[in-house]
Amino acid sequence: KTRRVDVSTVAVWQRGVLAFDNVPLSEALEIIGLNYNLAVDIKADLAGKQLFSTFDNEPAEAVAKTLSLMYGLDFQVINDTLYVRGK
């Protein structure tokens, strides 16, 4: 399966910056998990939630805290897993 990719976005990821522009939250979480070598465990309804944000070499815990504030969901990094739960 192929799709168009914004080359500037790929270049940003290579520098350790995660930039999301209207990306479904579930897809963004998978990318975040891959970037931080984390498994992602989602037990929350993410339907219709999009991510518009940039994370510049931030620790995984800081990303989880930001996402928690943005979406009113519980995001936690425990060991090597990012947990996403409804509040």
C-alpha atoms as a PDB file:
ATOM      1  CA  LYS A   1       0.000   0.000   0.000  1.00  0.00           C
ATOM      2  CA  THR A   2       1.438   3.386  -0.957  1.00  0.00           C
ATOM      3  CA  ARG A   3       0.515   6.937  -0.080  1.00  0.00           C
ATOM      4  CA  ARG A   4       1.944  10.398  -0.533  1.00  0.00           C
ATOM      5  CA  VAL A   5       4.464  11.417   2.101  1.00  0.00           C
ATOM      6  CA  ASP A   6       5.550  14.950   2.880  1.00  0.00           C
ATOM      7  CA  VAL A   7       9.336  14.728   2.519  1.00  0.00           C
ATOM      8  CA  SER A   8       9.896  17.615   4.938  1.00  0.00           C
ATOM      9  CA  THR A   9       8.033  15.643   7.616  1.00  0.00           C
ATOM     10  CA  VAL A  10      10.295  12.631   7.092  1.00  0.00           C
ATOM     11  CA  ALA A  11      13.371  14.862   7.379  1.00  0.00           C
ATOM     12  CA  VAL A  12      12.040  16.257  10.659  1.00  0.00           C
ATOM     13  CA  TRP A  13      11.551  12.727  12.061  1.00  0.00           C
ATOM     14  CA  GLN A  14      15.153  11.873  11.188  1.00  0.00           C
ATOM     15  CA  ARG A  15      16.268  14.706  13.518  1.00  0.00           C
ATOM     16  CA  GLY A  16      14.236  13.272  16.396  1.00  0.00           C
ATOM     17  CA  VAL A  17      11.313  15.655  15.994  1.00  0.00           C
ATOM     18  CA  LEU A  18       7.828  14.187  15.761  1.00  0.00           C
ATOM     19  CA  ALA A  19       5.507  16.470  13.784  1.00  0.00           C
ATOM     20  CA  PHE A  20       1.839  15.595  13.347  1.00  0.00           C
ATOM     21  CA  ASP A  21      -0.550  17.602  11.191  1.00  0.00           C
ATOM     22  CA  ASN A  22      -4.094  16.234  11.242  1.00  0.00           C
ATOM     23  CA  VAL A  23      -2.999  12.648  11.897  1.00  0.00           C
ATOM     24  CA  PRO A  24      -5.523  10.255  13.478  1.00  0.00           C
ATOM     25  CA  LEU A  25      -4.529   9.908  17.133  1.00  0.00           C
ATOM     26  CA  SER A  26      -4.429   6.111  16.926  1.00  0.00           C
ATOM     27  CA  GLU A  27      -1.942   6.311  14.027  1.00  0.00           C
ATOM     28  CA  ALA A  28       0.121   8.992  15.793  1.00  0.00           C
ATOM     29  CA  LEU A  29       0.348   6.811  18.911  1.00  0.00           C
ATOM     30  CA  GLU A  30       1.770   3.951  16.862  1.00  0.00           C
ATOM     31  CA  ILE A  31       4.409   6.304  15.443  1.00  0.00           C
ATOM     32  CA  ILE A  32       5.190   7.637  18.921  1.00  0.00           C
ATOM     33  CA  GLY A  33       5.499   4.072  20.199  1.00  0.00           C
ATOM     34  CA  LEU A  34       7.925   3.160  17.425  1.00  0.00           C
ATOM     35  CA  ASN A  35       9.980   6.296  18.025  1.00  0.00           C
ATOM     36  CA  TYR A  36      10.376   5.568  21.747  1.00  0.00           C
ATOM     37  CA  ASN A  37      10.540   1.753  21.433  1.00  0.00           C
ATOM     38  CA  LEU A  38       7.292   1.439  23.372  1.00  0.00           C
ATOM     39  CA  ALA A  39       4.429  -0.976  22.998  1.00  0.00           C
ATOM     40  CA  VAL A  40       1.107   0.888  22.835  1.00  0.00           C
ATOM     41  CA  ASP A  41      -1.887  -0.399  24.809  1.00  0.00           C
ATOM     42  CA  ILE A  42      -5.084   1.543  23.985  1.00  0.00           C
ATOM     43  CA  LYS A  43      -8.241   1.051  26.008  1.00  0.00           C
ATOM     44  CA  ALA A  44      -9.986   4.303  25.093  1.00  0.00           C
ATOM     45  CA  ASP A  45     -12.222   5.568  22.300  1.00  0.00           C
ATOM     46  CA  LEU A  46      -9.993   7.566  19.956  1.00  0.00           C
ATOM     47  CA  ALA A  47     -12.502   7.821  17.106  1.00  0.00           C
ATOM     48  CA  GLY A  48     -12.462  11.255  15.501  1.00  0.00           C
ATOM     49  CA  LYS A  49      -9.448  12.449  17.476  1.00  0.00           C
ATOM     50  CA  GLN A  50      -6.702  14.023  15.365  1.00  0.00           C
ATOM     51  CA  LEU A  51      -3.252  15.146  16.481  1.00  0.00           C
ATOM     52  CA  PHE A  52      -1.840  18.543  15.543  1.00  0.00           C
ATOM     53  CA  SER A  53       1.391  18.812  17.502  1.00  0.00           C
ATOM     54  CA  THR A  54       5.177  18.738  17.364  1.00  0.00           C
ATOM     55  CA  PHE A  55       7.436  17.045  19.896  1.00  0.00           C
ATOM     56  CA  ASP A  56      11.075  18.088  19.695  1.00  0.00           C
ATOM     57  CA  ASN A  57      13.246  15.384  21.303  1.00  0.00           C
ATOM     58  CA  GLU A  58      11.035  15.320  24.398  1.00  0.00           C
ATOM     59  CA  PRO A  59      11.114  12.342  26.780  1.00  0.00           C
ATOM     60  CA  ALA A  60       8.258   9.855  26.386  1.00  0.00           C
ATOM     61  CA  GLU A  61       6.797  10.845  29.768  1.00  0.00           C
ATOM     62  CA  ALA A  62       6.558  14.500  28.664  1.00  0.00           C
ATOM     63  CA  VAL A  63       4.775  13.478  25.447  1.00  0.00           C
ATOM     64  CA  ALA A  64       2.328  11.363  27.496  1.00  0.00           C
ATOM     65  CA  LYS A  65       1.615  14.281  29.840  1.00  0.00           C
ATOM     66  CA  THR A  66       0.991  16.656  26.919  1.00  0.00           C
ATOM     67  CA  LEU A  67      -1.373  14.177  25.257  1.00  0.00           C
ATOM     68  CA  SER A  68      -3.204  13.663  28.547  1.00  0.00           C
ATOM     69  CA  LEU A  69      -3.837  17.404  28.862  1.00  0.00           C
ATOM     70  CA  MET A  70      -4.881  17.723  25.214  1.00  0.00           C
ATOM     71  CA  TYR A  71      -7.369  14.857  25.091  1.00  0.00           C
ATOM     72  CA  GLY A  72      -8.632  14.393  28.650  1.00  0.00           C
ATOM     73  CA  LEU A  73      -7.440  10.797  28.572  1.00  0.00           C
ATOM     74  CA  ASP A  74      -4.980   9.033  30.837  1.00  0.00           C
ATOM     75  CA  PHE A  75      -1.631   8.516  29.070  1.00  0.00           C
ATOM     76  CA  GLN A  76       1.098   6.795  31.086  1.00  0.00           C
ATOM     77  CA  VAL A  77       4.465   5.314  30.263  1.00  0.00           C
ATOM     78  CA  ILE A  78       5.194   2.316  32.471  1.00  0.00           C
ATOM     79  CA  ASN A  79       8.322   0.291  31.763  1.00  0.00           C
ATOM     80  CA  ASP A  80       8.283  -0.105  27.993  1.00  0.00           C
ATOM     81  CA  THR A  81       4.562   0.429  27.329  1.00  0.00           C
ATOM     82  CA  LEU A  82       2.473   3.531  26.613  1.00  0.00           C
ATOM     83  CA  TYR A  83      -0.956   3.008  28.196  1.00  0.00           C
ATOM     84  CA  VAL A  84      -3.946   5.006  26.959  1.00  0.00           C
ATOM     85  CA  ARG A  85      -7.102   4.904  29.068  1.00  0.00           C
ATOM     86  CA  GLY A  86     -10.302   6.909  29.328  1.00  0.00           C
ATOM     87  CA  LYS A  87     -10.731   9.037  32.437  1.00  0.00           C
END
